[in-house]
Each structure stands twice: as structure tokens, then as C-alpha cells.
Amino acid sequence: MTTTTWRPRWPHVSQLYRHTGDAPDALEGASDCFEASLARYLREMAYPFNGDDPALVGAMRLLATGQADHAGQGYTSIEQGGKALSALGVRWRWAGSLRTVWDAPWSILWVRAARLRGATPNVVDGRSVYTDYPLWWLGGSDEADHFILRLPSGRCNDPLSYWRQGDADYTPSSLAAAFAGAYVLDGATLGSPAATARGSGETAGLVVRCPQGLHLREAPTLAAPVLATLADGAAVRDVYAHECLWTFVYDWERGLHGWVKREFVAPAR
């Protein structure tokens, strides 16, 4: 069910941006379609993040795959995407039925991008074009290889949007033809612990071991903005499944997710 009176709190989030090392005329998609879709959802849910959209997309890429955003990177898998949602405390379920998607306000759809068509055309070089980007970008593929976020209005945040540069009004028939599955988002519980982040049914309890206090940052770098300072002995929940000098944790007291240096936390006894 869509809500036509819904109004967005955040504009379209794109996956189209340049990386260090790209050719001068290159515009790269970066294979960040899942992360950009997730970033838009988080923005709409007032997720606490002070950086710009590319920074949030990059942070979600690191959370989902354990690797920093970089040129030529591969796709985020469906399994990795599900673990990232769980790590953030977002309730979700995988749906193979489009009817389930129609009945939900928020879904991240797994689609065959070549089949998507807008209800209204874009005018490109004097021609009416019903796609939102050149189909040659897809390399002739008709496989399910793209994520888009379906909004409560029924429009879609397609991270590849180029000509429209905004939310797409894809037709129901083209969405049906493109559909290959979806994460149905059953509620923004960003302040809840994740139960499946490590795939074991439990997340690890940690205690801060830093007498002067430990900065909780929005990205795993000392240059990232500080979300909060955790007191020595504070209990946090580890929701990061990858080996790294940093770990992504949930601060119970403040209801915040963020990154801390791993050396300053220890398993709770």
C-alpha cells in the first residue's frame, strides 16, 4: 500500500560519483546501489550522520562488505546487504512476491535494471526517453543486478538516476517485469541491537576500556566527526562481522551506532 500524502525529508541519493584514480572523464557507478538505497532510507529515518551522502554511502559499503569504497569494486551481495540491515537494527524480511512489496511502505528491490521504464519521459537530445540512464551502462545485461529503494509514495530512489536526477516514477508493469526480490523493511528500529549481524543468532557484548573516554565516530577514521564520547566501562554491542582495527558498535545508553577503535574495547565478562 502506498501513501500518496507522504513527503520526503531527504532528496534523492545517488551512487554516481567519482573516486580517486578514476579517468578524467569517468563517471562511475561504483556498484554502490544497495548502499545508496540504504543511505536514502537511513536519511528518511533520521539516522544520525553529519557527513554528506557519499560519505554515508561509503560508510555503509564498509559495514556491508568489510572493504572501503574504491574504484572497480564488486557488487554487494544479497547476504551482505541483509547482514548490514541487521547490524543497523532494521527489521527486514526477504520477499519474492511483488504483492508483498505493494503492501509495504518501504522496500529495497532487487531488479533487472534494463526493464525499468518511467511513467513520464525524460527529454534527451530532443527525444523522449523512458529510461533514467543510458541502457549501454548496463552492458547489455538483463540479469537482476541492481537495487532501488521503493518509497511510501510509490516512487523509487534509483541510485543510477542520471537524466532525472531525482526519484523515479517507474510504471507498475515495468517494476513487475524487473522484479527479482526485495528486502521488505518492516520498521525503522535503528536503536535496537542486531540479532543476526554475525550469523550466529547473537551479537557480542563489549565494554569500553579507555580511562579518558572513547570517541564514537561516524566513520572508522580519526578524522571522522565524533557522535559521542563513551565512558570507561560503558557497555556496547558489537555488530561488525569483519576483521578491522575498528569495529561498528551500538551504544545502548544513547541509542547510537558508530565506529570505535577495537583496541579500546574488550569482551564483557
C-alpha atoms as a PDB file:
ATOM      1  CA  MET A   1       0.000   0.000   0.000  1.00  0.00           C
ATOM      2  CA  THR A   2       1.423   3.400  -0.918  1.00  0.00           C
ATOM      3  CA  THR A   3       0.872   6.641   0.956  1.00  0.00           C
ATOM      4  CA  THR A   4       0.330   9.443  -1.536  1.00  0.00           C
ATOM      5  CA  THR A   5       0.426  12.103   1.218  1.00  0.00           C
ATOM      6  CA  TRP A   6       3.912  11.062   2.327  1.00  0.00           C
ATOM      7  CA  ARG A   7       6.547  13.767   1.908  1.00  0.00           C
ATOM      8  CA  PRO A   8      10.273  13.043   1.759  1.00  0.00           C
ATOM      9  CA  ARG A   9      12.568  14.550   4.340  1.00  0.00           C
ATOM     10  CA  TRP A  10      15.656  13.994   2.163  1.00  0.00           C
ATOM     11  CA  PRO A  11      16.392  14.328  -1.577  1.00  0.00           C
ATOM     12  CA  HIS A  12      17.462  11.575  -3.946  1.00  0.00           C
ATOM     13  CA  VAL A  13      20.674   9.703  -3.037  1.00  0.00           C
ATOM     14  CA  SER A  14      22.876   8.751  -5.975  1.00  0.00           C
ATOM     15  CA  GLN A  15      25.579   6.155  -6.477  1.00  0.00           C
ATOM     16  CA  LEU A  16      27.128   8.219  -9.282  1.00  0.00           C
ATOM     17  CA  TYR A  17      30.294   9.921  -8.127  1.00  0.00           C
ATOM     18  CA  ARG A  18      33.989   9.858  -8.807  1.00  0.00           C
ATOM     19  CA  HIS A  19      36.738   8.026  -6.948  1.00  0.00           C
ATOM     20  CA  THR A  20      40.398   8.884  -6.617  1.00  0.00           C
ATOM     21  CA  GLY A  21      42.134   7.213  -9.535  1.00  0.00           C
ATOM     22  CA  ASP A  22      39.223   7.414 -11.980  1.00  0.00           C
ATOM     23  CA  ALA A  23      39.970   8.650 -15.504  1.00  0.00           C
ATOM     24  CA  PRO A  24      39.340  12.400 -16.029  1.00  0.00           C
ATOM     25  CA  ASP A  25      36.076  11.909 -17.937  1.00  0.00           C
ATOM     26  CA  ALA A  26      34.832   8.906 -15.970  1.00  0.00           C
ATOM     27  CA  LEU A  27      31.563   8.853 -14.075  1.00  0.00           C
ATOM     28  CA  GLU A  28      31.473   5.680 -12.071  1.00  0.00           C
ATOM     29  CA  GLY A  29      28.512   3.820 -10.663  1.00  0.00           C
ATOM     30  CA  ALA A  30      30.777   2.209  -8.053  1.00  0.00           C
ATOM     31  CA  SER A  31      28.462  -0.818  -7.576  1.00  0.00           C
ATOM     32  CA  ASP A  32      27.014   1.049  -4.580  1.00  0.00           C
ATOM     33  CA  CYS A  33      23.334   0.664  -5.481  1.00  0.00           C
ATOM     34  CA  PHE A  34      22.486  -1.211  -2.279  1.00  0.00           C
ATOM     35  CA  GLU A  35      24.408   1.226  -0.095  1.00  0.00           C
ATOM     36  CA  ALA A  36      22.854   4.281  -1.776  1.00  0.00           C
ATOM     37  CA  SER A  37      19.364   2.805  -1.389  1.00  0.00           C
ATOM     38  CA  LEU A  38      20.086   2.074   2.262  1.00  0.00           C
ATOM     39  CA  ALA A  39      21.540   5.565   2.760  1.00  0.00           C
ATOM     40  CA  ARG A  40      18.336   7.185   1.497  1.00  0.00           C
ATOM     41  CA  TYR A  41      16.280   5.020   3.831  1.00  0.00           C
ATOM     42  CA  LEU A  42      18.515   5.951   6.770  1.00  0.00           C
ATOM     43  CA  ARG A  43      18.229   9.650   5.922  1.00  0.00           C
ATOM     44  CA  GLU A  44      14.444   9.353   5.880  1.00  0.00           C
ATOM     45  CA  MET A  45      14.584   7.645   9.288  1.00  0.00           C
ATOM     46  CA  ALA A  46      16.716  10.490  10.730  1.00  0.00           C
ATOM     47  CA  TYR A  47      19.773   8.272  11.178  1.00  0.00           C
ATOM     48  CA  PRO A  48      22.421  10.360  12.998  1.00  0.00           C
ATOM     49  CA  PHE A  49      25.124  11.070  10.424  1.00  0.00           C
ATOM     50  CA  ASN A  50      26.641  14.506   9.817  1.00  0.00           C
ATOM     51  CA  GLY A  51      28.626  13.683   6.665  1.00  0.00           C
ATOM     52  CA  ASP A  52      27.385  14.083   3.105  1.00  0.00           C
ATOM     53  CA  ASP A  53      25.664  11.376   1.081  1.00  0.00           C
ATOM     54  CA  PRO A  54      28.851   9.938  -0.496  1.00  0.00           C
ATOM     55  CA  ALA A  55      30.332   9.624   2.995  1.00  0.00           C
ATOM     56  CA  LEU A  56      27.245   7.779   4.252  1.00  0.00           C
ATOM     57  CA  VAL A  57      27.256   5.517   1.187  1.00  0.00           C
ATOM     58  CA  GLY A  58      30.941   4.776   1.827  1.00  0.00           C
ATOM     59  CA  ALA A  59      30.293   4.013   5.492  1.00  0.00           C
ATOM     60  CA  MET A  60      27.511   1.587   4.555  1.00  0.00           C
ATOM     61  CA  ARG A  61      29.801  -0.064   1.989  1.00  0.00           C
ATOM     62  CA  LEU A  62      32.384  -0.705   4.681  1.00  0.00           C
ATOM     63  CA  LEU A  63      29.707  -2.024   7.038  1.00  0.00           C
ATOM     64  CA  ALA A  64      28.240  -4.369   4.402  1.00  0.00           C
ATOM     65  CA  THR A  65      31.399  -5.706   2.767  1.00  0.00           C
ATOM     66  CA  GLY A  66      34.280  -5.021   5.160  1.00  0.00           C
ATOM     67  CA  GLN A  67      36.067  -3.061   2.427  1.00  0.00           C
ATOM     68  CA  ALA A  68      36.338   0.670   1.877  1.00  0.00           C
ATOM     69  CA  ASP A  69      34.694   2.184  -1.202  1.00  0.00           C
ATOM     70  CA  HIS A  70      37.101   2.025  -4.157  1.00  0.00           C
ATOM     71  CA  ALA A  71      37.173   2.167  -7.942  1.00  0.00           C
ATOM     72  CA  GLY A  72      36.378  -1.099  -9.708  1.00  0.00           C
ATOM     73  CA  GLN A  73      34.807  -2.765  -6.672  1.00  0.00           C
ATOM     74  CA  GLY A  74      32.354  -5.629  -6.991  1.00  0.00           C
ATOM     75  CA  TYR A  75      28.678  -5.834  -6.134  1.00  0.00           C
ATOM     76  CA  THR A  76      27.307  -6.102  -2.625  1.00  0.00           C
ATOM     77  CA  SER A  77      25.647  -9.497  -2.305  1.00  0.00           C
ATOM     78  CA  ILE A  78      22.117 -10.105  -1.045  1.00  0.00           C
ATOM     79  CA  GLU A  79      23.595 -11.827   2.010  1.00  0.00           C
ATOM     80  CA  GLN A  80      25.893  -8.895   2.760  1.00  0.00           C
ATOM     81  CA  GLY A  81      23.007  -6.468   2.394  1.00  0.00           C
ATOM     82  CA  GLY A  82      20.875  -8.432   4.838  1.00  0.00           C
ATOM     83  CA  LYS A  83      23.666  -8.509   7.412  1.00  0.00           C
ATOM     84  CA  ALA A  84      24.130  -4.739   7.097  1.00  0.00           C
ATOM     85  CA  LEU A  85      20.419  -4.163   7.725  1.00  0.00           C
ATOM     86  CA  SER A  86      20.542  -6.448  10.752  1.00  0.00           C
ATOM     87  CA  ALA A  87      23.654  -4.708  12.085  1.00  0.00           C
ATOM     88  CA  LEU A  88      21.753  -1.417  11.991  1.00  0.00           C
ATOM     89  CA  GLY A  89      18.798  -2.929  13.822  1.00  0.00           C
ATOM     90  CA  VAL A  90      16.472  -2.587  10.831  1.00  0.00           C
ATOM     91  CA  ARG A  91      13.747  -5.239  10.844  1.00  0.00           C
ATOM     92  CA  TRP A  92      13.539  -6.807   7.400  1.00  0.00           C
ATOM     93  CA  ARG A  93      12.379  -9.889   5.532  1.00  0.00           C
ATOM     94  CA  TRP A  94      13.150 -11.115   2.050  1.00  0.00           C
ATOM     95  CA  ALA A  95      10.139 -11.210  -0.254  1.00  0.00           C
ATOM     96  CA  GLY A  96       9.789 -12.998  -3.558  1.00  0.00           C
ATOM     97  CA  SER A  97       6.299 -11.658  -4.167  1.00  0.00           C
ATOM     98  CA  LEU A  98       5.629  -8.218  -5.598  1.00  0.00           C
ATOM     99  CA  ARG A  99       2.270  -8.154  -3.814  1.00  0.00           C
ATOM    100  CA  THR A 100       4.169  -8.142  -0.504  1.00  0.00           C
ATOM    101  CA  VAL A 101       6.133  -5.124  -1.725  1.00  0.00           C
ATOM    102  CA  TRP A 102       2.989  -3.240  -2.762  1.00  0.00           C
ATOM    103  CA  ASP A 103       1.589  -3.711   0.748  1.00  0.00           C
ATOM    104  CA  ALA A 104       4.710  -2.327   2.476  1.00  0.00           C
ATOM    105  CA  PRO A 105       5.711   1.345   2.689  1.00  0.00           C
ATOM    106  CA  TRP A 106       9.456   0.710   2.353  1.00  0.00           C
ATOM    107  CA  SER A 107      11.334  -1.897   0.310  1.00  0.00           C
ATOM    108  CA  ILE A 108      14.754  -2.226  -1.278  1.00  0.00           C
ATOM    109  CA  LEU A 109      14.055  -4.007  -4.570  1.00  0.00           C
ATOM    110  CA  TRP A 110      16.454  -6.317  -6.412  1.00  0.00           C
ATOM    111  CA  VAL A 111      15.710  -5.641 -10.080  1.00  0.00           C
ATOM    112  CA  ARG A 112      16.643  -6.135 -13.717  1.00  0.00           C
ATOM    113  CA  ALA A 113      17.503  -2.505 -14.400  1.00  0.00           C
ATOM    114  CA  ALA A 114      17.156  -2.768 -18.174  1.00  0.00           C
ATOM    115  CA  ARG A 115      13.391  -3.368 -17.804  1.00  0.00           C
ATOM    116  CA  LEU A 116      12.550  -0.261 -15.768  1.00  0.00           C
ATOM    117  CA  ARG A 117      10.532   2.443 -17.538  1.00  0.00           C
ATOM    118  CA  GLY A 118       9.229   5.763 -16.250  1.00  0.00           C
ATOM    119  CA  ALA A 119       5.612   6.860 -16.477  1.00  0.00           C
ATOM    120  CA  THR A 120       6.806  10.231 -17.796  1.00  0.00           C
ATOM    121  CA  PRO A 121       9.673  10.631 -20.248  1.00  0.00           C
ATOM    122  CA  ASN A 122      12.994  12.402 -19.959  1.00  0.00           C
ATOM    123  CA  VAL A 123      13.851  14.618 -22.904  1.00  0.00           C
ATOM    124  CA  VAL A 124      17.361  13.763 -24.076  1.00  0.00           C
ATOM    125  CA  ASP A 125      18.785  15.498 -27.153  1.00  0.00           C
ATOM    126  CA  GLY A 126      15.262  16.348 -28.220  1.00  0.00           C
ATOM    127  CA  ARG A 127      13.988  12.777 -27.834  1.00  0.00           C
ATOM    128  CA  SER A 128      11.568  11.322 -25.274  1.00  0.00           C
ATOM    129  CA  VAL A 129      13.372   8.615 -23.309  1.00  0.00           C
ATOM    130  CA  TYR A 130      11.562   6.480 -20.748  1.00  0.00           C
ATOM    131  CA  THR A 131      14.678   5.172 -19.010  1.00  0.00           C
ATOM    132  CA  ASP A 132      16.550   7.167 -16.371  1.00  0.00           C
ATOM    133  CA  TYR A 133      20.041   6.374 -17.679  1.00  0.00           C
ATOM    134  CA  PRO A 134      21.657   5.133 -20.903  1.00  0.00           C
ATOM    135  CA  LEU A 135      20.980   1.425 -21.303  1.00  0.00           C
ATOM    136  CA  TRP A 136      24.519   0.889 -22.582  1.00  0.00           C
ATOM    137  CA  TRP A 137      25.642   1.486 -18.988  1.00  0.00           C
ATOM    138  CA  LEU A 138      24.214  -1.951 -18.223  1.00  0.00           C
ATOM    139  CA  GLY A 139      26.461  -3.678 -20.759  1.00  0.00           C
ATOM    140  CA  GLY A 140      23.558  -5.478 -22.426  1.00  0.00           C
ATOM    141  CA  SER A 141      22.713  -7.370 -19.248  1.00  0.00           C
ATOM    142  CA  ASP A 142      19.147  -8.390 -18.447  1.00  0.00           C
ATOM    143  CA  GLU A 143      20.095 -10.056 -15.179  1.00  0.00           C
ATOM    144  CA  ALA A 144      18.968  -8.953 -11.724  1.00  0.00           C
ATOM    145  CA  ASP A 145      21.941  -6.838 -10.710  1.00  0.00           C
ATOM    146  CA  HIS A 146      20.605  -3.589  -9.272  1.00  0.00           C
ATOM    147  CA  PHE A 147      18.977  -2.317  -6.052  1.00  0.00           C
ATOM    148  CA  ILE A 148      16.454   0.536  -5.826  1.00  0.00           C
ATOM    149  CA  LEU A 149      14.511   1.873  -2.838  1.00  0.00           C
ATOM    150  CA  ARG A 150      10.735   1.983  -3.183  1.00  0.00           C
ATOM    151  CA  LEU A 151       9.323   4.916  -1.214  1.00  0.00           C
ATOM    152  CA  PRO A 152       5.929   5.194   0.525  1.00  0.00           C
ATOM    153  CA  SER A 153       4.757   7.438  -2.335  1.00  0.00           C
ATOM    154  CA  GLY A 154       5.303   4.614  -4.817  1.00  0.00           C
ATOM    155  CA  ARG A 155       8.215   6.417  -6.468  1.00  0.00           C
ATOM    156  CA  CYS A 156      11.702   4.927  -6.374  1.00  0.00           C
ATOM    157  CA  ASN A 157      15.113   6.194  -5.356  1.00  0.00           C
ATOM    158  CA  ASP A 158      17.085   4.642  -8.209  1.00  0.00           C
ATOM    159  CA  PRO A 159      20.750   5.305  -7.372  1.00  0.00           C
ATOM    160  CA  LEU A 160      21.685   5.205 -11.074  1.00  0.00           C
ATOM    161  CA  SER A 161      19.279   8.015 -11.992  1.00  0.00           C
ATOM    162  CA  TYR A 162      21.126  10.326 -14.378  1.00  0.00           C
ATOM    163  CA  TRP A 163      18.737  12.236 -16.586  1.00  0.00           C
ATOM    164  CA  ARG A 164      16.048  12.814 -13.965  1.00  0.00           C
ATOM    165  CA  GLN A 165      18.438  13.200 -11.016  1.00  0.00           C
ATOM    166  CA  GLY A 166      15.549  12.616  -8.671  1.00  0.00           C
ATOM    167  CA  ASP A 167      13.063   9.958  -7.575  1.00  0.00           C
ATOM    168  CA  ALA A 168      11.720   7.895 -10.465  1.00  0.00           C
ATOM    169  CA  ASP A 169       8.051   7.272 -11.292  1.00  0.00           C
ATOM    170  CA  TYR A 170       8.513   3.756 -12.672  1.00  0.00           C
ATOM    171  CA  THR A 171       5.370   2.137 -14.021  1.00  0.00           C
ATOM    172  CA  PRO A 172       3.896  -0.811 -12.098  1.00  0.00           C
ATOM    173  CA  SER A 173       4.191  -3.002 -15.183  1.00  0.00           C
ATOM    174  CA  SER A 174       7.903  -2.281 -15.622  1.00  0.00           C
ATOM    175  CA  LEU A 175       8.536  -2.857 -11.916  1.00  0.00           C
ATOM    176  CA  ALA A 176       6.751  -6.191 -12.203  1.00  0.00           C
ATOM    177  CA  ALA A 177       8.886  -7.139 -15.218  1.00  0.00           C
ATOM    178  CA  ALA A 178      12.081  -6.039 -13.470  1.00  0.00           C
ATOM    179  CA  PHE A 179      11.338  -7.511 -10.026  1.00  0.00           C
ATOM    180  CA  ALA A 180      13.566 -10.315  -8.721  1.00  0.00           C
ATOM    181  CA  GLY A 181      13.047  -9.983  -4.949  1.00  0.00           C
ATOM    182  CA  ALA A 182      13.140  -7.394  -2.190  1.00  0.00           C
ATOM    183  CA  TYR A 183      14.144  -6.588   1.333  1.00  0.00           C
ATOM    184  CA  VAL A 184      10.832  -5.513   2.856  1.00  0.00           C
ATOM    185  CA  LEU A 185      11.697  -3.105   5.654  1.00  0.00           C
ATOM    186  CA  ASP A 186       9.283  -3.742   8.491  1.00  0.00           C
ATOM    187  CA  GLY A 187      10.182  -0.786  10.634  1.00  0.00           C
ATOM    188  CA  ALA A 188      12.995   1.561  11.450  1.00  0.00           C
ATOM    189  CA  THR A 189      14.322   0.191  14.721  1.00  0.00           C
ATOM    190  CA  LEU A 190      17.701   1.857  14.399  1.00  0.00           C
ATOM    191  CA  GLY A 191      18.023   1.981  18.160  1.00  0.00           C
ATOM    192  CA  SER A 192      17.716  -1.769  18.675  1.00  0.00           C
ATOM    193  CA  PRO A 193      20.510  -4.335  18.852  1.00  0.00           C
ATOM    194  CA  ALA A 194      21.048  -6.574  15.838  1.00  0.00           C
ATOM    195  CA  ALA A 195      20.392 -10.247  16.397  1.00  0.00           C
ATOM    196  CA  THR A 196      21.971 -11.667  13.270  1.00  0.00           C
ATOM    197  CA  ALA A 197      24.974  -9.481  12.481  1.00  0.00           C
ATOM    198  CA  ARG A 198      27.457 -12.322  12.918  1.00  0.00           C
ATOM    199  CA  GLY A 199      25.155 -15.011  11.580  1.00  0.00           C
ATOM    200  CA  SER A 200      25.213 -16.815  14.931  1.00  0.00           C
ATOM    201  CA  GLY A 201      21.960 -15.516  16.382  1.00  0.00           C
ATOM    202  CA  GLU A 202      23.799 -13.334  18.893  1.00  0.00           C
ATOM    203  CA  THR A 203      25.925 -10.201  18.900  1.00  0.00           C
ATOM    204  CA  ALA A 204      28.956  -9.698  21.106  1.00  0.00           C
ATOM    205  CA  GLY A 205      28.768  -7.593  24.250  1.00  0.00           C
ATOM    206  CA  LEU A 206      31.755  -5.277  24.743  1.00  0.00           C
ATOM    207  CA  VAL A 207      32.941  -2.953  27.484  1.00  0.00           C
ATOM    208  CA  VAL A 208      34.908   0.254  26.891  1.00  0.00           C
ATOM    209  CA  ARG A 209      38.432   0.076  28.338  1.00  0.00           C
ATOM    210  CA  CYS A 210      39.651   3.654  27.972  1.00  0.00           C
ATOM    211  CA  PRO A 211      40.051   5.782  31.138  1.00  0.00           C
ATOM    212  CA  GLN A 212      39.850   9.101  29.283  1.00  0.00           C
ATOM    213  CA  GLY A 213      36.722   8.043  27.379  1.00  0.00           C
ATOM    214  CA  LEU A 214      36.350   6.627  23.872  1.00  0.00           C
ATOM    215  CA  HIS A 215      35.089   8.598  20.876  1.00  0.00           C
ATOM    216  CA  LEU A 216      32.221   7.032  18.949  1.00  0.00           C
ATOM    217  CA  ARG A 217      32.713   8.191  15.348  1.00  0.00           C
ATOM    218  CA  GLU A 218      30.501   8.086  12.280  1.00  0.00           C
ATOM    219  CA  ALA A 219      33.270   6.520  10.162  1.00  0.00           C
ATOM    220  CA  PRO A 220      36.335   4.367  11.002  1.00  0.00           C
ATOM    221  CA  THR A 221      38.909   7.149  10.862  1.00  0.00           C
ATOM    222  CA  LEU A 222      40.252   9.618  13.421  1.00  0.00           C
ATOM    223  CA  ALA A 223      39.222  12.434  11.088  1.00  0.00           C
ATOM    224  CA  ALA A 224      35.522  11.448  11.236  1.00  0.00           C
ATOM    225  CA  PRO A 225      33.052  13.506  13.304  1.00  0.00           C
ATOM    226  CA  VAL A 226      32.527  12.362  16.889  1.00  0.00           C
ATOM    227  CA  LEU A 227      28.968  11.264  17.659  1.00  0.00           C
ATOM    228  CA  ALA A 228      29.534  10.798  21.393  1.00  0.00           C
ATOM    229  CA  THR A 229      32.223  10.025  23.961  1.00  0.00           C
ATOM    230  CA  LEU A 230      31.740   6.683  25.688  1.00  0.00           C
ATOM    231  CA  ALA A 231      32.762   6.491  29.332  1.00  0.00           C
ATOM    232  CA  ASP A 232      35.261   3.930  30.578  1.00  0.00           C
ATOM    233  CA  GLY A 233      33.275   0.801  31.465  1.00  0.00           C
ATOM    234  CA  ALA A 234      30.342   1.652  29.192  1.00  0.00           C
ATOM    235  CA  ALA A 235      28.589  -1.383  27.689  1.00  0.00           C
ATOM    236  CA  VAL A 236      28.225  -1.510  23.907  1.00  0.00           C
ATOM    237  CA  ARG A 237      27.118  -4.134  21.437  1.00  0.00           C
ATOM    238  CA  ASP A 238      29.477  -5.266  18.664  1.00  0.00           C
ATOM    239  CA  VAL A 239      27.589  -5.576  15.363  1.00  0.00           C
ATOM    240  CA  TYR A 240      30.506  -5.772  12.899  1.00  0.00           C
ATOM    241  CA  ALA A 241      31.314  -9.089  11.262  1.00  0.00           C
ATOM    242  CA  HIS A 242      34.637  -8.193   9.622  1.00  0.00           C
ATOM    243  CA  GLU A 243      38.208  -8.078  10.887  1.00  0.00           C
ATOM    244  CA  CYS A 244      39.391  -4.487  11.197  1.00  0.00           C
ATOM    245  CA  LEU A 245      41.275  -2.130  13.537  1.00  0.00           C
ATOM    246  CA  TRP A 246      37.866  -0.539  14.141  1.00  0.00           C
ATOM    247  CA  THR A 247      34.506  -2.073  14.990  1.00  0.00           C
ATOM    248  CA  PHE A 248      30.929  -0.875  14.472  1.00  0.00           C
ATOM    249  CA  VAL A 249      29.027  -0.828  17.763  1.00  0.00           C
ATOM    250  CA  TYR A 250      25.679   0.105  19.240  1.00  0.00           C
ATOM    251  CA  ASP A 251      25.681   2.388  22.276  1.00  0.00           C
ATOM    252  CA  TRP A 252      22.764   1.262  24.453  1.00  0.00           C
ATOM    253  CA  GLU A 253      22.594   4.453  26.514  1.00  0.00           C
ATOM    254  CA  ARG A 254      22.309   6.905  23.611  1.00  0.00           C
ATOM    255  CA  GLY A 255      20.732   4.654  21.006  1.00  0.00           C
ATOM    256  CA  LEU A 256      23.573   5.379  18.570  1.00  0.00           C
ATOM    257  CA  HIS A 257      25.568   3.274  16.142  1.00  0.00           C
ATOM    258  CA  GLY A 258      29.140   4.263  15.358  1.00  0.00           C
ATOM    259  CA  TRP A 259      32.767   3.218  14.989  1.00  0.00           C
ATOM    260  CA  VAL A 260      35.357   2.814  17.782  1.00  0.00           C
ATOM    261  CA  LYS A 261      38.988   1.690  17.830  1.00  0.00           C
ATOM    262  CA  ARG A 262      38.898  -2.033  18.572  1.00  0.00           C
ATOM    263  CA  GLU A 263      41.899  -1.852  20.909  1.00  0.00           C
ATOM    264  CA  PHE A 264      39.859   0.164  23.432  1.00  0.00           C
ATOM    265  CA  VAL A 265      37.006  -2.336  23.900  1.00  0.00           C
ATOM    266  CA  ALA A 266      37.030  -5.777  25.447  1.00  0.00           C
ATOM    267  CA  PRO A 267      34.522  -8.634  25.710  1.00  0.00           C
ATOM    268  CA  ALA A 268      32.054  -8.204  28.551  1.00  0.00           C
ATOM    269  CA  ARG A 269      32.517 -10.722  31.353  1.00  0.00           C
END
